Amino acid sequence: MNRRGRPLFALLLGTFISITSLAAEEKTAASPNEKSGELFDTIAKMDAAIFAAFNAHDADRLMSLFTDDLEFITTPVA
């Protein structure tokens, strides 16, 4: 990198760091407690129902908790 490009690079890097740190602060300040609220309670309830059906070997109950068009997608691990 030549000398003329260094100030521009430093400016862009500083701007990027400032924006990302501000976004992180805003996200932290705006997000409620992650272990409370209606969404968390719904997910916890469904999670418990799925594992209870699985552990009880109740295939009918387990399948009733999913839609007919459910797709499990896996990605290869490199």
C-alpha atoms as a PDB file:
ATOM      1  CA  MET A   1       0.000   0.000   0.000  1.00  0.00           C
ATOM      2  CA  ASN A   2       1.453   3.349  -0.949  1.00  0.00           C
ATOM      3  CA  ARG A   3       1.662   6.318   1.398  1.00  0.00           C
ATOM      4  CA  ARG A   4      -1.259   8.099  -0.241  1.00  0.00           C
ATOM      5  CA  GLY A   5      -3.595   5.166   0.451  1.00  0.00           C
ATOM      6  CA  ARG A   6      -2.747   4.800   4.150  1.00  0.00           C
ATOM      7  CA  PRO A   7      -4.827   7.726   5.444  1.00  0.00           C
ATOM      8  CA  LEU A   8      -7.852   6.560   3.473  1.00  0.00           C
ATOM      9  CA  PHE A   9      -7.417   3.006   4.750  1.00  0.00           C
ATOM     10  CA  ALA A  10      -7.080   4.269   8.328  1.00  0.00           C
ATOM     11  CA  LEU A  11     -10.203   6.400   7.927  1.00  0.00           C
ATOM     12  CA  LEU A  12     -12.208   3.501   6.513  1.00  0.00           C
ATOM     13  CA  LEU A  13     -10.960   1.124   9.212  1.00  0.00           C
ATOM     14  CA  GLY A  14     -11.791   3.612  11.963  1.00  0.00           C
ATOM     15  CA  THR A  15     -15.252   4.186  10.536  1.00  0.00           C
ATOM     16  CA  PHE A  16     -15.913   0.443  10.337  1.00  0.00           C
ATOM     17  CA  ILE A  17     -14.783  -0.113  13.933  1.00  0.00           C
ATOM     18  CA  SER A  18     -16.915   2.787  15.182  1.00  0.00           C
ATOM     19  CA  ILE A  19     -20.021   1.600  13.370  1.00  0.00           C
ATOM     20  CA  THR A  20     -19.680  -2.011  14.511  1.00  0.00           C
ATOM     21  CA  SER A  21     -19.077  -1.042  18.130  1.00  0.00           C
ATOM     22  CA  LEU A  22     -22.062   1.315  18.106  1.00  0.00           C
ATOM     23  CA  ALA A  23     -24.243  -1.410  16.603  1.00  0.00           C
ATOM     24  CA  ALA A  24     -23.114  -3.864  19.280  1.00  0.00           C
ATOM     25  CA  GLU A  25     -23.896  -1.354  22.058  1.00  0.00           C
ATOM     26  CA  GLU A  26     -27.327  -0.635  20.573  1.00  0.00           C
ATOM     27  CA  LYS A  27     -28.122  -4.337  20.281  1.00  0.00           C
ATOM     28  CA  THR A  28     -27.095  -4.956  23.884  1.00  0.00           C
ATOM     29  CA  ALA A  29     -29.090  -2.017  25.185  1.00  0.00           C
ATOM     30  CA  ALA A  30     -32.205  -2.794  23.138  1.00  0.00           C
ATOM     31  CA  SER A  31     -32.395  -6.558  23.688  1.00  0.00           C
ATOM     32  CA  PRO A  32     -34.414  -7.778  26.667  1.00  0.00           C
ATOM     33  CA  ASN A  33     -33.300 -10.640  28.862  1.00  0.00           C
ATOM     34  CA  GLU A  34     -32.829 -13.576  26.496  1.00  0.00           C
ATOM     35  CA  LYS A  35     -34.320 -16.041  28.994  1.00  0.00           C
ATOM     36  CA  SER A  36     -37.702 -14.438  29.339  1.00  0.00           C
ATOM     37  CA  GLY A  37     -40.622 -13.397  27.277  1.00  0.00           C
ATOM     38  CA  GLU A  38     -43.293 -15.037  25.182  1.00  0.00           C
ATOM     39  CA  LEU A  39     -40.958 -16.266  22.423  1.00  0.00           C
ATOM     40  CA  PHE A  40     -38.536 -17.880  24.862  1.00  0.00           C
ATOM     41  CA  ASP A  41     -41.393 -19.553  26.745  1.00  0.00           C
ATOM     42  CA  THR A  42     -42.907 -20.918  23.519  1.00  0.00           C
ATOM     43  CA  ILE A  43     -39.572 -22.300  22.319  1.00  0.00           C
ATOM     44  CA  ALA A  44     -38.859 -23.879  25.723  1.00  0.00           C
ATOM     45  CA  LYS A  45     -42.324 -25.492  25.790  1.00  0.00           C
ATOM     46  CA  MET A  46     -41.988 -26.950  22.280  1.00  0.00           C
ATOM     47  CA  ASP A  47     -38.424 -28.103  22.967  1.00  0.00           C
ATOM     48  CA  ALA A  48     -39.585 -29.961  26.081  1.00  0.00           C
ATOM     49  CA  ALA A  49     -42.493 -31.553  24.166  1.00  0.00           C
ATOM     50  CA  ILE A  50     -40.222 -32.758  21.360  1.00  0.00           C
ATOM     51  CA  PHE A  51     -37.670 -34.303  23.722  1.00  0.00           C
ATOM     52  CA  ALA A  52     -40.389 -35.883  25.891  1.00  0.00           C
ATOM     53  CA  ALA A  53     -41.935 -37.560  22.824  1.00  0.00           C
ATOM     54  CA  PHE A  54     -38.511 -38.661  21.560  1.00  0.00           C
ATOM     55  CA  ASN A  55     -37.435 -40.084  24.916  1.00  0.00           C
ATOM     56  CA  ALA A  56     -40.779 -41.902  25.283  1.00  0.00           C
ATOM     57  CA  HIS A  57     -40.295 -43.438  21.807  1.00  0.00           C
ATOM     58  CA  ASP A  58     -43.681 -41.962  20.842  1.00  0.00           C
ATOM     59  CA  ALA A  59     -43.285 -41.530  17.078  1.00  0.00           C
ATOM     60  CA  ASP A  60     -46.896 -40.447  16.553  1.00  0.00           C
ATOM     61  CA  ARG A  61     -46.603 -37.655  19.118  1.00  0.00           C
ATOM     62  CA  LEU A  62     -43.199 -36.641  17.772  1.00  0.00           C
ATOM     63  CA  MET A  63     -44.464 -36.431  14.201  1.00  0.00           C
ATOM     64  CA  SER A  64     -47.496 -34.401  15.296  1.00  0.00           C
ATOM     65  CA  LEU A  65     -45.153 -31.641  16.458  1.00  0.00           C
ATOM     66  CA  PHE A  66     -43.799 -31.049  12.931  1.00  0.00           C
ATOM     67  CA  THR A  67     -45.428 -29.936   9.687  1.00  0.00           C
ATOM     68  CA  ASP A  68     -45.646 -32.265   6.701  1.00  0.00           C
ATOM     69  CA  ASP A  69     -43.252 -30.106   4.675  1.00  0.00           C
ATOM     70  CA  LEU A  70     -40.436 -30.135   7.245  1.00  0.00           C
ATOM     71  CA  GLU A  71     -36.969 -30.395   5.702  1.00  0.00           C
ATOM     72  CA  PHE A  72     -33.778 -31.159   7.571  1.00  0.00           C
ATOM     73  CA  ILE A  73     -30.899 -29.544   5.731  1.00  0.00           C
ATOM     74  CA  THR A  74     -27.343 -30.476   6.569  1.00  0.00           C
ATOM     75  CA  THR A  75     -24.185 -28.869   5.323  1.00  0.00           C
ATOM     76  CA  PRO A  76     -20.919 -30.732   4.886  1.00  0.00           C
ATOM     77  CA  VAL A  77     -18.235 -30.000   7.427  1.00  0.00           C
ATOM     78  CA  ALA A  78     -14.929 -29.088   5.862  1.00  0.00           C
END
